[in-house]
């Protein structure tokens, strides 16, 4: 069964065709750790993301991270966060985050306030 998808409303660009959505604090904490890869078109929507922060510890691959407010509007975009990068401590106003394969946001002019439609 496929999960939800994430679409940049302004351009219609699909950021992820299949989003995993962990439902427990444990699932959100583990996130993508220990996986070998994240396939193109896939992603994880961590909702809520505690304190607007994520970590890259035990991550084996880079990701793009798109932090969203409670209305799924872009707060901040981190492109190509390297594996084992450490921590993105706090993103003001963030309620959730899309974790996507590195390069998923390249070529898209994602701006603060842009609407991301999760369907």
N, C-alpha and C. Protein backbone atom coordinates (compact mmCIF):
# COMPACT_ATOMS: atom_id res chain seq x y z
N UNK A 1 0.83 -1.18 0.00
CA UNK A 1 0.00 0.00 0.00
C UNK A 1 0.88 1.25 0.00
N UNK A 2 0.58 2.17 -0.85
CA UNK A 2 1.35 3.40 -0.95
C UNK A 2 0.88 4.39 0.11
N UNK A 3 1.85 5.21 0.54
CA UNK A 3 1.54 6.26 1.51
C UNK A 3 1.05 7.50 0.78
N UNK A 4 1.06 8.57 1.49
CA UNK A 4 0.67 9.85 0.90
C UNK A 4 1.78 10.38 0.00
N UNK A 5 1.45 11.42 -0.75
CA UNK A 5 2.44 12.08 -1.58
C UNK A 5 2.54 13.54 -1.20
N UNK A 6 3.67 14.15 -1.53
CA UNK A 6 3.92 15.55 -1.23
C UNK A 6 4.13 16.30 -2.53
N UNK A 7 3.37 17.38 -2.72
CA UNK A 7 3.40 18.14 -3.97
C UNK A 7 3.62 19.62 -3.65
N UNK A 8 4.56 20.24 -4.37
CA UNK A 8 4.79 21.69 -4.26
C UNK A 8 3.66 22.36 -5.03
N UNK A 9 2.77 23.03 -4.31
CA UNK A 9 1.56 23.57 -4.93
C UNK A 9 1.83 24.55 -6.07
N UNK A 10 2.82 25.43 -5.90
CA UNK A 10 3.08 26.47 -6.89
C UNK A 10 3.48 25.89 -8.25
N UNK A 11 4.28 24.85 -8.26
CA UNK A 11 4.78 24.30 -9.52
C UNK A 11 4.13 22.96 -9.91
N UNK A 12 3.47 22.32 -8.95
CA UNK A 12 2.90 21.00 -9.22
C UNK A 12 3.92 19.89 -9.17
N UNK A 13 5.15 20.22 -8.77
CA UNK A 13 6.21 19.23 -8.71
C UNK A 13 5.97 18.26 -7.54
N UNK A 14 6.05 16.98 -7.84
CA UNK A 14 5.90 15.96 -6.80
C UNK A 14 7.25 15.78 -6.11
N UNK A 15 7.29 16.08 -4.82
CA UNK A 15 8.51 15.91 -4.04
C UNK A 15 8.69 14.46 -3.62
N UNK A 16 7.59 13.80 -3.31
CA UNK A 16 7.62 12.38 -2.94
C UNK A 16 6.31 11.74 -3.38
N UNK A 17 6.43 10.61 -4.02
CA UNK A 17 5.27 9.86 -4.50
C UNK A 17 4.75 8.92 -3.42
N UNK A 18 5.61 8.58 -2.46
CA UNK A 18 5.24 7.60 -1.44
C UNK A 18 5.91 7.98 -0.11
N UNK A 19 5.13 8.56 0.80
CA UNK A 19 5.65 9.01 2.09
C UNK A 19 5.32 8.01 3.20
N UNK A 20 6.33 7.62 3.93
CA UNK A 20 6.09 6.88 5.17
C UNK A 20 5.75 7.90 6.24
N UNK A 21 4.92 7.51 7.19
CA UNK A 21 4.50 8.41 8.25
C UNK A 21 4.53 7.67 9.59
N UNK A 22 5.68 7.71 10.29
CA UNK A 22 5.73 7.03 11.57
C UNK A 22 4.76 7.65 12.57
N UNK A 23 4.06 6.82 13.31
CA UNK A 23 3.00 7.30 14.20
C UNK A 23 3.39 7.38 15.66
N UNK A 24 4.49 6.75 16.04
CA UNK A 24 4.88 6.76 17.45
C UNK A 24 6.12 7.63 17.64
N UNK A 25 6.35 8.05 18.87
CA UNK A 25 7.55 8.84 19.17
C UNK A 25 8.81 8.01 18.88
N UNK A 26 8.74 6.71 19.11
CA UNK A 26 9.87 5.84 18.81
C UNK A 26 10.11 5.79 17.29
N UNK A 27 9.05 5.61 16.51
CA UNK A 27 9.18 5.57 15.05
C UNK A 27 9.70 6.87 14.49
N UNK A 28 9.25 7.99 15.05
CA UNK A 28 9.74 9.30 14.59
C UNK A 28 11.19 9.49 14.99
N UNK A 29 11.57 8.98 16.17
CA UNK A 29 12.96 9.12 16.63
C UNK A 29 13.93 8.30 15.80
N UNK A 30 13.52 7.09 15.42
CA UNK A 30 14.38 6.22 14.61
C UNK A 30 14.40 6.72 13.17
N UNK A 31 13.25 7.12 12.65
CA UNK A 31 13.18 7.67 11.30
C UNK A 31 13.86 6.80 10.26
N UNK A 32 14.84 7.35 9.58
CA UNK A 32 15.54 6.65 8.49
C UNK A 32 16.86 6.04 8.92
N UNK A 33 17.14 6.04 10.22
CA UNK A 33 18.40 5.48 10.71
C UNK A 33 18.53 4.02 10.31
N UNK A 34 19.76 3.61 10.07
CA UNK A 34 20.15 2.23 9.82
C UNK A 34 19.74 1.70 8.44
N UNK A 35 19.02 2.48 7.65
CA UNK A 35 18.66 2.03 6.31
C UNK A 35 19.86 2.22 5.39
N UNK A 36 19.89 1.44 4.32
CA UNK A 36 20.99 1.56 3.36
C UNK A 36 20.77 2.68 2.37
N UNK A 37 19.50 2.97 2.06
CA UNK A 37 19.20 3.97 1.05
C UNK A 37 17.76 4.44 1.19
N UNK A 38 17.45 5.50 0.49
CA UNK A 38 16.07 5.97 0.35
C UNK A 38 15.85 6.14 -1.15
N UNK A 39 14.99 5.33 -1.69
CA UNK A 39 14.78 5.30 -3.13
C UNK A 39 14.15 6.60 -3.64
N UNK A 40 14.49 7.00 -4.88
CA UNK A 40 13.86 8.18 -5.48
C UNK A 40 12.34 8.04 -5.45
N UNK A 41 11.66 9.15 -5.17
CA UNK A 41 10.20 9.13 -5.11
C UNK A 41 9.64 8.77 -3.75
N UNK A 42 10.49 8.31 -2.87
CA UNK A 42 10.05 7.94 -1.52
C UNK A 42 10.46 9.02 -0.53
N UNK A 43 9.95 8.95 0.66
CA UNK A 43 10.32 9.89 1.69
C UNK A 43 9.65 9.55 3.00
N UNK A 44 9.95 10.36 4.01
CA UNK A 44 9.34 10.19 5.31
C UNK A 44 8.82 11.54 5.76
N UNK A 45 7.58 11.55 6.25
CA UNK A 45 6.98 12.76 6.80
C UNK A 45 6.91 12.57 8.31
N UNK A 46 7.76 13.27 9.03
CA UNK A 46 7.79 13.18 10.48
C UNK A 46 6.90 14.31 11.01
N UNK A 47 5.76 13.90 11.55
CA UNK A 47 4.74 14.84 11.98
C UNK A 47 4.11 14.36 13.28
N UNK A 48 4.39 15.02 14.39
CA UNK A 48 5.20 16.21 14.53
C UNK A 48 6.68 15.88 14.64
N UNK A 49 7.52 16.85 14.34
CA UNK A 49 8.95 16.70 14.60
C UNK A 49 9.24 17.50 15.86
N UNK A 50 9.66 16.82 16.87
CA UNK A 50 9.82 17.41 18.19
C UNK A 50 10.79 18.58 18.16
N UNK A 51 10.30 19.76 18.46
CA UNK A 51 11.14 20.95 18.54
C UNK A 51 11.67 21.46 17.21
N UNK A 52 11.12 20.97 16.09
CA UNK A 52 11.60 21.42 14.78
C UNK A 52 13.04 21.03 14.52
N UNK A 53 13.44 19.84 15.02
CA UNK A 53 14.83 19.42 14.85
C UNK A 53 14.89 17.97 14.38
N UNK A 54 16.02 17.64 13.74
CA UNK A 54 16.29 16.27 13.31
C UNK A 54 17.78 15.99 13.53
N UNK A 55 18.15 14.73 13.47
CA UNK A 55 19.57 14.37 13.53
C UNK A 55 19.89 13.43 12.39
N UNK A 56 21.17 13.36 12.06
CA UNK A 56 21.64 12.50 10.97
C UNK A 56 22.53 11.38 11.51
N UNK A 57 22.51 11.16 12.80
CA UNK A 57 23.31 10.09 13.39
C UNK A 57 22.80 8.74 12.91
N UNK A 58 23.71 7.86 12.59
CA UNK A 58 23.42 6.51 12.09
C UNK A 58 22.74 6.53 10.71
N UNK A 59 22.78 7.66 10.03
CA UNK A 59 22.25 7.74 8.67
C UNK A 59 23.37 7.38 7.70
N UNK A 60 23.07 6.56 6.73
CA UNK A 60 24.08 6.09 5.78
C UNK A 60 24.07 6.84 4.46
N UNK A 61 23.17 7.79 4.31
CA UNK A 61 23.02 8.50 3.03
C UNK A 61 22.56 9.92 3.30
N UNK A 62 22.83 10.83 2.38
CA UNK A 62 22.39 12.22 2.54
C UNK A 62 20.89 12.35 2.24
N UNK A 63 20.29 13.42 2.75
CA UNK A 63 18.88 13.69 2.47
C UNK A 63 18.67 15.19 2.25
N UNK A 64 17.53 15.52 1.67
CA UNK A 64 17.00 16.87 1.67
C UNK A 64 15.94 16.90 2.77
N UNK A 65 15.92 17.95 3.58
CA UNK A 65 14.93 18.08 4.65
C UNK A 65 14.15 19.37 4.44
N UNK A 66 12.83 19.24 4.37
CA UNK A 66 11.95 20.39 4.18
C UNK A 66 11.10 20.52 5.44
N UNK A 67 11.37 21.55 6.23
CA UNK A 67 10.62 21.78 7.46
C UNK A 67 9.36 22.57 7.13
N UNK A 68 8.23 22.13 7.70
CA UNK A 68 6.92 22.71 7.42
C UNK A 68 6.26 23.20 8.70
N UNK A 69 5.43 24.24 8.57
CA UNK A 69 4.66 24.70 9.73
C UNK A 69 3.39 23.84 9.85
N UNK A 70 2.51 24.20 10.75
CA UNK A 70 1.30 23.41 10.99
C UNK A 70 0.33 23.39 9.82
N UNK A 71 0.48 24.30 8.86
CA UNK A 71 -0.36 24.33 7.66
C UNK A 71 0.34 23.78 6.44
N UNK A 72 1.46 23.06 6.66
CA UNK A 72 2.30 22.47 5.60
C UNK A 72 2.87 23.52 4.66
N UNK A 73 3.23 24.68 5.21
CA UNK A 73 3.94 25.70 4.44
C UNK A 73 5.42 25.62 4.80
N UNK A 74 6.28 25.83 3.81
CA UNK A 74 7.73 25.71 3.99
C UNK A 74 8.23 26.73 5.01
N UNK A 75 8.99 26.26 5.97
CA UNK A 75 9.68 27.13 6.93
C UNK A 75 11.16 27.23 6.56
N UNK A 76 11.77 26.09 6.23
CA UNK A 76 13.20 26.08 5.88
C UNK A 76 13.50 24.81 5.10
N UNK A 77 14.47 24.93 4.18
CA UNK A 77 14.90 23.78 3.36
C UNK A 77 16.39 23.57 3.59
N UNK A 78 16.76 22.34 3.89
CA UNK A 78 18.17 21.94 3.98
C UNK A 78 18.40 20.95 2.84
N UNK A 79 19.29 21.32 1.94
CA UNK A 79 19.57 20.45 0.80
C UNK A 79 20.84 19.65 1.05
N UNK A 80 20.78 18.38 0.68
CA UNK A 80 21.94 17.49 0.71
C UNK A 80 22.63 17.45 2.09
N UNK A 81 21.85 17.25 3.13
CA UNK A 81 22.44 17.06 4.46
C UNK A 81 23.25 15.77 4.44
N UNK A 82 24.53 15.83 4.73
CA UNK A 82 25.35 14.62 4.63
C UNK A 82 25.05 13.61 5.74
N UNK A 83 25.28 12.35 5.43
CA UNK A 83 25.16 11.29 6.43
C UNK A 83 26.08 11.63 7.59
N UNK A 84 25.64 11.31 8.79
CA UNK A 84 26.40 11.55 10.01
C UNK A 84 26.67 13.03 10.24
N UNK A 85 25.88 13.91 9.65
CA UNK A 85 26.09 15.37 9.75
C UNK A 85 25.99 15.86 11.19
N UNK A 86 25.14 15.27 11.94
CA UNK A 86 24.90 15.74 13.30
C UNK A 86 23.45 16.10 13.48
N UNK A 87 23.20 17.30 13.96
CA UNK A 87 21.84 17.68 14.34
C UNK A 87 21.46 19.02 13.72
N UNK A 88 20.24 19.10 13.21
CA UNK A 88 19.61 20.38 12.91
C UNK A 88 18.81 20.67 14.17
N UNK A 89 19.29 21.59 15.00
CA UNK A 89 18.77 21.75 16.36
C UNK A 89 17.37 22.29 16.46
N UNK A 90 17.07 23.36 15.76
CA UNK A 90 15.77 23.99 15.95
C UNK A 90 15.44 24.80 14.72
N UNK A 91 14.25 24.60 14.21
CA UNK A 91 13.78 25.37 13.07
C UNK A 91 12.53 26.12 13.52
N UNK A 92 12.64 27.41 13.61
CA UNK A 92 11.56 28.25 14.12
C UNK A 92 10.25 28.03 13.36
N UNK A 93 9.20 27.76 14.10
CA UNK A 93 7.88 27.60 13.52
C UNK A 93 7.60 26.27 12.87
N UNK A 94 8.58 25.35 12.87
CA UNK A 94 8.39 24.05 12.22
C UNK A 94 7.54 23.13 13.09
N UNK A 95 6.65 22.43 12.43
CA UNK A 95 5.80 21.44 13.09
C UNK A 95 6.08 20.04 12.57
N UNK A 96 6.51 19.94 11.31
CA UNK A 96 6.81 18.64 10.71
C UNK A 96 7.98 18.81 9.74
N UNK A 97 8.49 17.67 9.27
CA UNK A 97 9.59 17.70 8.31
C UNK A 97 9.42 16.59 7.29
N UNK A 98 9.70 16.92 6.04
CA UNK A 98 9.78 15.93 4.96
C UNK A 98 11.24 15.55 4.81
N UNK A 99 11.56 14.28 4.94
CA UNK A 99 12.91 13.79 4.67
C UNK A 99 12.87 13.07 3.34
N UNK A 100 13.65 13.57 2.41
CA UNK A 100 13.61 13.12 1.01
C UNK A 100 14.99 12.73 0.54
N UNK A 101 15.09 11.89 -0.51
CA UNK A 101 16.41 11.58 -1.05
C UNK A 101 17.13 12.86 -1.46
N UNK A 102 18.43 12.90 -1.24
CA UNK A 102 19.22 14.07 -1.63
C UNK A 102 18.98 14.38 -3.11
N UNK A 103 18.78 15.64 -3.41
CA UNK A 103 18.53 16.08 -4.78
C UNK A 103 17.05 16.22 -5.11
N UNK A 104 16.19 15.77 -4.23
CA UNK A 104 14.74 15.83 -4.50
C UNK A 104 14.23 17.26 -4.64
N UNK A 105 14.92 18.20 -4.01
CA UNK A 105 14.47 19.60 -4.08
C UNK A 105 15.30 20.44 -5.05
N UNK A 106 16.28 19.82 -5.69
CA UNK A 106 17.10 20.60 -6.63
C UNK A 106 16.25 20.97 -7.85
N UNK A 107 16.48 22.14 -8.35
CA UNK A 107 15.73 22.60 -9.51
C UNK A 107 14.35 23.13 -9.15
N UNK A 108 13.99 23.12 -7.87
CA UNK A 108 12.72 23.66 -7.41
C UNK A 108 13.05 24.84 -6.51
N UNK A 109 12.49 25.98 -6.82
CA UNK A 109 12.76 27.17 -6.03
C UNK A 109 11.82 27.20 -4.83
N UNK A 110 12.06 26.31 -3.86
CA UNK A 110 11.24 26.27 -2.66
C UNK A 110 11.54 27.50 -1.81
N UNK A 111 10.52 28.25 -1.50
CA UNK A 111 10.67 29.46 -0.71
C UNK A 111 9.88 29.34 0.58
N UNK A 112 10.33 30.03 1.59
CA UNK A 112 9.60 30.09 2.84
C UNK A 112 8.18 30.56 2.56
N UNK A 113 7.20 29.84 3.07
CA UNK A 113 5.80 30.17 2.86
C UNK A 113 5.14 29.39 1.75
N UNK A 114 5.93 28.74 0.87
CA UNK A 114 5.34 27.92 -0.19
C UNK A 114 4.52 26.79 0.41
N UNK A 115 3.38 26.51 -0.20
CA UNK A 115 2.48 25.46 0.27
C UNK A 115 2.93 24.10 -0.28
N UNK A 116 3.01 23.14 0.62
CA UNK A 116 3.24 21.74 0.23
C UNK A 116 1.93 21.01 0.51
N UNK A 117 1.40 20.36 -0.51
CA UNK A 117 0.15 19.63 -0.37
C UNK A 117 0.50 18.18 -0.09
N UNK A 118 0.02 17.69 1.05
CA UNK A 118 0.20 16.29 1.41
C UNK A 118 -1.14 15.61 1.13
N UNK A 119 -1.15 14.70 0.19
CA UNK A 119 -2.41 14.05 -0.20
C UNK A 119 -2.29 12.54 -0.24
